[in-house]
Amino acid sequence: MAKIFIYPTTSLILSDMVTRFGHTPLGSAIAIRERVQTAGLESAPLQITPEEPKKGLHWAAVEVPSGVRGRMALYGPMVEQCDAAIIINNADLAFGCMGCARTNELLKFLLRQKNMPRLELEYPRTEDEGTQFVAAIKRFLVDLGGKK
């Protein structure tokens, strides 16, 4: 099964759909859980160590705000290991808030540059669009070898 980067990375709906079709979702919940469960975490409310922004330099320049670098320390390794991606553009805040426009732009750029299967959809605004939205995601996941 494929490792699928989900965007917005906080979307539990996408994470659940990816899991239901037998794939592994790559999103912020998993990355943050690993950091929270790690013994010796120095800044639990921030869920990163002082080293995280330095690690983020691999994906973002030093001139980029430390918040972007810190987030990229979480997301960058997932982008590198993913086999495919689902990107939802203009998502409603309830679908998965990302919190940092510059990180979002960088993530989308990196995902689009990677040679891999990628599904990009607009967030649905009507019931019919919602039905088509779920069907498109299902087709994509099945085409990647997921459960039917």
N, C-alpha and C. Protein backbone atom coordinates (compact mmCIF):
# COMPACT_ATOMS: atom_id res chain seq x y z
N MET A 1 0.83 -1.18 0.00
CA MET A 1 0.00 0.00 0.00
C MET A 1 0.88 1.25 0.00
N ALA A 2 0.30 2.35 -0.43
CA ALA A 2 1.04 3.60 -0.60
C ALA A 2 1.01 4.47 0.65
N LYS A 3 2.06 5.28 0.79
CA LYS A 3 2.10 6.32 1.81
C LYS A 3 1.61 7.59 1.11
N ILE A 4 0.51 8.12 1.60
CA ILE A 4 -0.14 9.25 0.93
C ILE A 4 -0.10 10.49 1.80
N PHE A 5 0.54 11.54 1.27
CA PHE A 5 0.58 12.82 1.96
C PHE A 5 -0.78 13.48 1.78
N ILE A 6 -1.38 13.88 2.89
CA ILE A 6 -2.69 14.54 2.82
C ILE A 6 -2.52 16.03 3.09
N TYR A 7 -3.24 16.82 2.32
CA TYR A 7 -3.22 18.28 2.48
C TYR A 7 -4.64 18.79 2.39
N PRO A 8 -5.14 19.44 3.39
CA PRO A 8 -4.51 19.90 4.63
C PRO A 8 -4.07 18.74 5.51
N THR A 9 -2.91 18.89 6.10
CA THR A 9 -2.32 17.80 6.88
C THR A 9 -3.09 17.51 8.15
N THR A 10 -3.96 18.42 8.57
CA THR A 10 -4.73 18.22 9.79
C THR A 10 -6.10 17.59 9.52
N SER A 11 -6.38 17.24 8.27
CA SER A 11 -7.70 16.73 7.92
C SER A 11 -7.90 15.29 8.39
N LEU A 12 -8.74 15.12 9.38
CA LEU A 12 -9.06 13.78 9.87
C LEU A 12 -9.93 13.04 8.86
N ILE A 13 -10.70 13.77 8.08
CA ILE A 13 -11.54 13.15 7.05
C ILE A 13 -10.67 12.47 6.01
N LEU A 14 -9.68 13.19 5.47
CA LEU A 14 -8.77 12.60 4.49
C LEU A 14 -7.98 11.45 5.09
N SER A 15 -7.48 11.65 6.29
CA SER A 15 -6.71 10.61 6.97
C SER A 15 -7.54 9.33 7.10
N ASP A 16 -8.79 9.47 7.49
CA ASP A 16 -9.69 8.32 7.64
C ASP A 16 -9.94 7.64 6.30
N MET A 17 -10.19 8.41 5.26
CA MET A 17 -10.45 7.81 3.94
C MET A 17 -9.23 7.04 3.44
N VAL A 18 -8.06 7.62 3.59
CA VAL A 18 -6.83 6.95 3.15
C VAL A 18 -6.65 5.64 3.90
N THR A 19 -6.87 5.65 5.21
CA THR A 19 -6.74 4.45 6.03
C THR A 19 -7.77 3.40 5.63
N ARG A 20 -9.00 3.81 5.39
CA ARG A 20 -10.06 2.86 5.03
C ARG A 20 -9.76 2.11 3.74
N PHE A 21 -8.98 2.73 2.85
CA PHE A 21 -8.64 2.07 1.60
C PHE A 21 -7.29 1.35 1.69
N GLY A 22 -6.78 1.20 2.89
CA GLY A 22 -5.61 0.38 3.11
C GLY A 22 -4.27 1.07 2.94
N HIS A 23 -4.27 2.38 2.77
CA HIS A 23 -3.03 3.12 2.60
C HIS A 23 -2.62 3.76 3.93
N THR A 24 -1.44 4.34 3.95
CA THR A 24 -0.94 5.02 5.14
C THR A 24 -1.02 6.53 4.92
N PRO A 25 -1.81 7.24 5.74
CA PRO A 25 -1.88 8.69 5.60
C PRO A 25 -0.67 9.35 6.27
N LEU A 26 -0.11 10.34 5.61
CA LEU A 26 0.97 11.12 6.20
C LEU A 26 0.43 12.52 6.45
N GLY A 27 0.29 12.86 7.72
CA GLY A 27 -0.25 14.16 8.10
C GLY A 27 0.34 14.60 9.42
N SER A 28 -0.06 15.76 9.87
CA SER A 28 0.54 16.33 11.08
C SER A 28 0.21 15.56 12.35
N ALA A 29 -0.94 14.91 12.42
CA ALA A 29 -1.31 14.20 13.65
C ALA A 29 -0.27 13.14 14.00
N ILE A 30 0.20 12.42 12.99
CA ILE A 30 1.18 11.37 13.23
C ILE A 30 2.51 11.97 13.66
N ALA A 31 2.95 13.00 12.95
CA ALA A 31 4.24 13.63 13.27
C ALA A 31 4.23 14.26 14.66
N ILE A 32 3.13 14.89 15.01
CA ILE A 32 3.04 15.52 16.33
C ILE A 32 2.95 14.46 17.42
N ARG A 33 2.19 13.38 17.18
CA ARG A 33 2.08 12.30 18.17
C ARG A 33 3.46 11.74 18.50
N GLU A 34 4.30 11.54 17.48
CA GLU A 34 5.64 11.02 17.71
C GLU A 34 6.44 11.95 18.61
N ARG A 35 6.28 13.25 18.42
CA ARG A 35 7.04 14.20 19.22
C ARG A 35 6.48 14.31 20.64
N VAL A 36 5.18 14.23 20.80
CA VAL A 36 4.57 14.34 22.12
C VAL A 36 4.89 13.10 22.95
N GLN A 37 4.96 11.94 22.31
CA GLN A 37 5.22 10.70 23.04
C GLN A 37 6.71 10.46 23.29
N THR A 38 7.56 11.28 22.72
CA THR A 38 9.00 11.12 22.90
C THR A 38 9.40 11.66 24.27
N ALA A 39 10.09 10.84 25.03
CA ALA A 39 10.55 11.28 26.35
C ALA A 39 11.55 12.42 26.21
N GLY A 40 11.46 13.38 27.11
CA GLY A 40 12.42 14.47 27.13
C GLY A 40 12.06 15.64 26.24
N LEU A 41 10.84 15.68 25.76
CA LEU A 41 10.43 16.81 24.93
C LEU A 41 10.48 18.07 25.80
N GLU A 42 11.21 19.05 25.35
CA GLU A 42 11.46 20.23 26.17
C GLU A 42 10.34 21.27 26.14
N SER A 43 9.63 21.33 25.05
CA SER A 43 8.60 22.38 24.93
C SER A 43 7.28 21.78 24.45
N ALA A 44 6.68 21.03 25.33
CA ALA A 44 5.46 20.28 24.97
C ALA A 44 4.35 21.13 24.35
N PRO A 45 4.05 22.33 24.86
CA PRO A 45 2.97 23.09 24.23
C PRO A 45 3.27 23.43 22.76
N LEU A 46 4.55 23.60 22.43
CA LEU A 46 4.92 23.92 21.06
C LEU A 46 5.10 22.67 20.22
N GLN A 47 5.27 21.52 20.86
CA GLN A 47 5.42 20.23 20.23
C GLN A 47 6.65 20.14 19.32
N ILE A 48 7.63 20.99 19.56
CA ILE A 48 8.90 20.90 18.85
C ILE A 48 10.03 21.19 19.82
N THR A 49 11.21 20.80 19.44
CA THR A 49 12.39 21.13 20.24
C THR A 49 13.06 22.34 19.60
N PRO A 50 14.00 22.96 20.29
CA PRO A 50 14.72 24.09 19.68
C PRO A 50 15.48 23.70 18.41
N GLU A 51 15.72 22.42 18.22
CA GLU A 51 16.45 21.96 17.03
C GLU A 51 15.58 21.89 15.78
N GLU A 52 14.27 21.83 15.95
CA GLU A 52 13.37 21.66 14.80
C GLU A 52 13.53 22.75 13.72
N PRO A 53 13.56 24.04 14.09
CA PRO A 53 13.75 25.04 13.03
C PRO A 53 15.07 24.87 12.27
N LYS A 54 16.09 24.35 12.93
CA LYS A 54 17.37 24.09 12.25
C LYS A 54 17.20 22.95 11.24
N LYS A 55 16.47 21.90 11.62
CA LYS A 55 16.22 20.79 10.70
C LYS A 55 15.42 21.27 9.50
N GLY A 56 14.54 22.24 9.72
CA GLY A 56 13.71 22.78 8.65
C GLY A 56 14.51 23.48 7.58
N LEU A 57 15.77 23.82 7.86
CA LEU A 57 16.62 24.49 6.87
C LEU A 57 16.86 23.61 5.64
N HIS A 58 16.64 22.32 5.78
CA HIS A 58 16.78 21.42 4.63
C HIS A 58 15.76 21.75 3.55
N TRP A 59 14.59 22.26 3.94
CA TRP A 59 13.50 22.54 3.00
C TRP A 59 13.22 24.02 2.80
N ALA A 60 13.67 24.85 3.71
CA ALA A 60 13.38 26.28 3.62
C ALA A 60 14.64 27.08 3.97
N ALA A 61 14.83 28.19 3.28
CA ALA A 61 16.02 29.02 3.47
C ALA A 61 16.04 29.67 4.85
N VAL A 62 17.22 30.12 5.25
CA VAL A 62 17.39 30.74 6.55
C VAL A 62 16.57 32.02 6.68
N GLU A 63 16.29 32.70 5.56
CA GLU A 63 15.52 33.94 5.59
C GLU A 63 14.03 33.69 5.88
N VAL A 64 13.61 32.46 5.73
CA VAL A 64 12.21 32.10 5.96
C VAL A 64 11.94 32.13 7.46
N PRO A 65 10.77 32.60 7.88
CA PRO A 65 10.46 32.65 9.32
C PRO A 65 10.65 31.29 10.00
N SER A 66 11.06 31.32 11.26
CA SER A 66 11.34 30.08 11.98
C SER A 66 10.10 29.20 12.10
N GLY A 67 8.91 29.80 12.10
CA GLY A 67 7.68 29.00 12.16
C GLY A 67 7.52 28.11 10.94
N VAL A 68 7.91 28.62 9.78
CA VAL A 68 7.85 27.83 8.55
C VAL A 68 8.89 26.71 8.64
N ARG A 69 10.09 27.05 9.07
CA ARG A 69 11.14 26.03 9.19
C ARG A 69 10.74 24.96 10.21
N GLY A 70 10.14 25.38 11.31
CA GLY A 70 9.69 24.42 12.32
C GLY A 70 8.63 23.48 11.78
N ARG A 71 7.68 24.03 11.04
CA ARG A 71 6.64 23.19 10.43
C ARG A 71 7.25 22.26 9.38
N MET A 72 8.21 22.77 8.62
CA MET A 72 8.83 21.94 7.59
C MET A 72 9.66 20.81 8.20
N ALA A 73 10.13 20.98 9.44
CA ALA A 73 10.81 19.89 10.13
C ALA A 73 9.84 18.73 10.36
N LEU A 74 8.55 19.04 10.48
CA LEU A 74 7.52 18.00 10.59
C LEU A 74 7.12 17.46 9.23
N TYR A 75 6.82 18.37 8.30
CA TYR A 75 6.25 17.97 7.01
C TYR A 75 7.28 17.52 5.99
N GLY A 76 8.48 18.09 6.02
CA GLY A 76 9.50 17.76 5.02
C GLY A 76 9.81 16.27 4.92
N PRO A 77 10.06 15.59 6.04
CA PRO A 77 10.33 14.15 5.94
C PRO A 77 9.14 13.38 5.35
N MET A 78 7.92 13.82 5.63
CA MET A 78 6.76 13.14 5.06
C MET A 78 6.68 13.36 3.55
N VAL A 79 7.00 14.56 3.10
CA VAL A 79 6.99 14.83 1.66
C VAL A 79 8.01 13.93 0.96
N GLU A 80 9.16 13.76 1.59
CA GLU A 80 10.21 12.93 0.99
C GLU A 80 9.82 11.46 0.92
N GLN A 81 9.06 10.97 1.91
CA GLN A 81 8.75 9.55 1.92
C GLN A 81 7.42 9.19 1.27
N CYS A 82 6.61 10.17 0.89
CA CYS A 82 5.29 9.85 0.34
C CYS A 82 5.39 9.28 -1.07
N ASP A 83 4.42 8.41 -1.39
CA ASP A 83 4.31 7.80 -2.71
C ASP A 83 3.29 8.52 -3.57
N ALA A 84 2.40 9.26 -2.93
CA ALA A 84 1.32 9.96 -3.62
C ALA A 84 0.82 11.07 -2.70
N ALA A 85 -0.03 11.94 -3.26
CA ALA A 85 -0.56 13.04 -2.44
C ALA A 85 -1.99 13.36 -2.85
N ILE A 86 -2.76 13.79 -1.87
CA ILE A 86 -4.10 14.33 -2.09
C ILE A 86 -4.05 15.76 -1.57
N ILE A 87 -4.35 16.70 -2.46
CA ILE A 87 -4.33 18.12 -2.10
C ILE A 87 -5.73 18.68 -2.30
N ILE A 88 -6.28 19.25 -1.24
CA ILE A 88 -7.59 19.89 -1.31
C ILE A 88 -7.36 21.39 -1.22
N ASN A 89 -7.72 22.09 -2.28
CA ASN A 89 -7.55 23.55 -2.34
C ASN A 89 -8.79 24.25 -1.80
N ASN A 90 -8.56 25.39 -1.17
CA ASN A 90 -9.64 26.24 -0.64
C ASN A 90 -10.54 25.51 0.33
N ALA A 91 -9.94 24.69 1.18
CA ALA A 91 -10.72 23.91 2.14
C ALA A 91 -11.31 24.81 3.22
N ASP A 92 -12.47 24.42 3.69
CA ASP A 92 -13.12 25.07 4.82
C ASP A 92 -12.27 24.85 6.07
N LEU A 93 -12.27 25.81 6.98
CA LEU A 93 -11.46 25.67 8.19
C LEU A 93 -11.79 24.40 8.98
N ALA A 94 -13.05 23.97 8.95
CA ALA A 94 -13.45 22.79 9.70
C ALA A 94 -12.88 21.51 9.06
N PHE A 95 -12.46 21.59 7.79
CA PHE A 95 -11.93 20.42 7.10
C PHE A 95 -10.48 20.16 7.50
N GLY A 96 -9.78 21.18 7.93
CA GLY A 96 -8.39 21.01 8.35
C GLY A 96 -7.62 22.31 8.21
N CYS A 97 -7.54 23.06 9.28
CA CYS A 97 -6.83 24.34 9.24
C CYS A 97 -5.33 24.09 9.28
N MET A 98 -4.59 24.80 8.45
CA MET A 98 -3.14 24.61 8.39
C MET A 98 -2.40 25.68 9.19
N GLY A 99 -2.91 26.90 9.26
CA GLY A 99 -2.34 27.90 10.14
C GLY A 99 -1.19 28.75 9.62
N CYS A 100 -0.58 28.40 8.51
CA CYS A 100 0.57 29.19 8.05
C CYS A 100 0.59 29.22 6.52
N ALA A 101 0.23 30.35 5.95
CA ALA A 101 0.11 30.47 4.49
C ALA A 101 1.42 30.17 3.78
N ARG A 102 2.55 30.61 4.31
CA ARG A 102 3.84 30.39 3.65
C ARG A 102 4.23 28.91 3.66
N THR A 103 3.96 28.24 4.76
CA THR A 103 4.23 26.80 4.82
C THR A 103 3.34 26.08 3.81
N ASN A 104 2.08 26.50 3.73
CA ASN A 104 1.15 25.87 2.79
C ASN A 104 1.64 26.00 1.36
N GLU A 105 2.11 27.19 0.98
CA GLU A 105 2.61 27.42 -0.37
C GLU A 105 3.83 26.54 -0.64
N LEU A 106 4.73 26.46 0.32
CA LEU A 106 5.94 25.65 0.16
C LEU A 106 5.58 24.17 0.04
N LEU A 107 4.67 23.70 0.88
CA LEU A 107 4.25 22.30 0.82
C LEU A 107 3.66 21.95 -0.54
N LYS A 108 2.74 22.77 -1.01
CA LYS A 108 2.13 22.50 -2.32
C LYS A 108 3.17 22.50 -3.42
N PHE A 109 4.10 23.44 -3.35
CA PHE A 109 5.17 23.51 -4.34
C PHE A 109 5.99 22.22 -4.34
N LEU A 110 6.41 21.78 -3.16
CA LEU A 110 7.23 20.56 -3.06
C LEU A 110 6.47 19.33 -3.54
N LEU A 111 5.19 19.25 -3.21
CA LEU A 111 4.38 18.11 -3.65
C LEU A 111 4.19 18.11 -5.16
N ARG A 112 4.01 19.29 -5.74
CA ARG A 112 3.83 19.38 -7.19
C ARG A 112 5.12 19.09 -7.94
N GLN A 113 6.26 19.35 -7.33
CA GLN A 113 7.55 19.11 -7.98
C GLN A 113 7.93 17.63 -7.97
N LYS A 114 7.37 16.90 -7.05
CA LYS A 114 7.72 15.49 -6.91
C LYS A 114 7.00 14.67 -7.98
N ASN A 115 7.73 13.78 -8.62
CA ASN A 115 7.16 12.94 -9.67
C ASN A 115 6.43 11.76 -9.03
N MET A 116 5.13 11.93 -8.81
CA MET A 116 4.32 10.90 -8.14
C MET A 116 2.86 11.14 -8.49
N PRO A 117 2.00 10.14 -8.26
CA PRO A 117 0.57 10.36 -8.46
C PRO A 117 0.06 11.42 -7.47
N ARG A 118 -0.77 12.31 -7.97
CA ARG A 118 -1.28 13.40 -7.14
C ARG A 118 -2.71 13.70 -7.56
N LEU A 119 -3.57 13.85 -6.58
CA LEU A 119 -4.96 14.24 -6.83
C LEU A 119 -5.15 15.62 -6.21
N GLU A 120 -5.56 16.58 -7.04
CA GLU A 120 -5.87 17.92 -6.54
C GLU A 120 -7.33 18.21 -6.80
N LEU A 121 -8.02 18.59 -5.75
CA LEU A 121 -9.45 18.89 -5.84
C LEU A 121 -9.75 20.21 -5.15
N GLU A 122 -10.82 20.83 -5.59
CA GLU A 122 -11.36 21.99 -4.88
C GLU A 122 -12.29 21.47 -3.79
N TYR A 123 -12.30 22.15 -2.67
CA TYR A 123 -13.20 21.78 -1.59
C TYR A 123 -14.65 21.92 -2.07
N PRO A 124 -15.49 20.92 -1.84
CA PRO A 124 -16.87 20.98 -2.34
C PRO A 124 -17.72 22.00 -1.58
N ARG A 125 -18.61 22.67 -2.30
CA ARG A 125 -19.50 23.67 -1.69
C ARG A 125 -20.97 23.26 -1.74
N THR A 126 -21.30 22.22 -2.50
CA THR A 126 -22.68 21.75 -2.58
C THR A 126 -22.70 20.24 -2.33
N GLU A 127 -23.89 19.70 -2.14
CA GLU A 127 -24.01 18.27 -1.90
C GLU A 127 -23.54 17.46 -3.12
N ASP A 128 -23.90 17.91 -4.32
CA ASP A 128 -23.46 17.21 -5.53
C ASP A 128 -21.94 17.24 -5.66
N GLU A 129 -21.35 18.40 -5.40
CA GLU A 129 -19.89 18.50 -5.44
C GLU A 129 -19.26 17.59 -4.39
N GLY A 130 -19.91 17.47 -3.23
CA GLY A 130 -19.41 16.60 -2.17
C GLY A 130 -19.40 15.14 -2.59
N THR A 131 -20.45 14.73 -3.28
CA THR A 131 -20.53 13.35 -3.77
C THR A 131 -19.43 13.08 -4.79
N GLN A 132 -19.23 14.02 -5.71
CA GLN A 132 -18.18 13.88 -6.72
C GLN A 132 -16.79 13.90 -6.07
N PHE A 133 -16.64 14.71 -5.05
CA PHE A 133 -15.40 14.85 -4.29
C PHE A 133 -15.00 13.51 -3.68
N VAL A 134 -15.92 12.89 -2.96
CA VAL A 134 -15.64 11.61 -2.30
C VAL A 134 -15.38 10.53 -3.35
N ALA A 135 -16.14 10.53 -4.44
CA ALA A 135 -15.95 9.53 -5.51
C ALA A 135 -14.58 9.67 -6.16
N ALA A 136 -14.13 10.90 -6.36
CA ALA A 136 -12.81 11.12 -6.98
C ALA A 136 -11.70 10.62 -6.06
N ILE A 137 -11.83 10.87 -4.77
CA ILE A 137 -10.82 10.40 -3.81
C ILE A 137 -10.82 8.87 -3.78
N LYS A 138 -12.01 8.28 -3.77
CA LYS A 138 -12.12 6.82 -3.76
C LYS A 138 -11.45 6.22 -4.99
N ARG A 139 -11.73 6.76 -6.18
CA ARG A 139 -11.12 6.26 -7.43
C ARG A 139 -9.59 6.35 -7.35
N PHE A 140 -9.11 7.48 -6.88
CA PHE A 140 -7.67 7.69 -6.77
C PHE A 140 -7.04 6.64 -5.85
N LEU A 141 -7.64 6.42 -4.68
CA LEU A 141 -7.10 5.47 -3.71
C LEU A 141 -7.17 4.03 -4.23
N VAL A 142 -8.25 3.67 -4.91
CA VAL A 142 -8.37 2.34 -5.48
C VAL A 142 -7.35 2.15 -6.60
N ASP A 143 -7.17 3.16 -7.43
CA ASP A 143 -6.19 3.10 -8.52
C ASP A 143 -4.76 2.92 -8.00
N LEU A 144 -4.51 3.37 -6.79
CA LEU A 144 -3.19 3.19 -6.18
C LEU A 144 -3.02 1.82 -5.54
N GLY A 145 -4.02 0.97 -5.70
CA GLY A 145 -3.94 -0.38 -5.15
C GLY A 145 -4.64 -0.56 -3.83
N GLY A 146 -5.53 0.37 -3.50
CA GLY A 146 -6.25 0.28 -2.24
C GLY A 146 -7.42 -0.69 -2.30
N LYS A 147 -8.01 -0.94 -1.15
CA LYS A 147 -9.18 -1.82 -1.04
C LYS A 147 -10.33 -1.23 -1.82
N LYS A 148 -11.16 -2.08 -2.36
CA LYS A 148 -12.34 -1.62 -3.11
C LYS A 148 -13.55 -1.55 -2.23
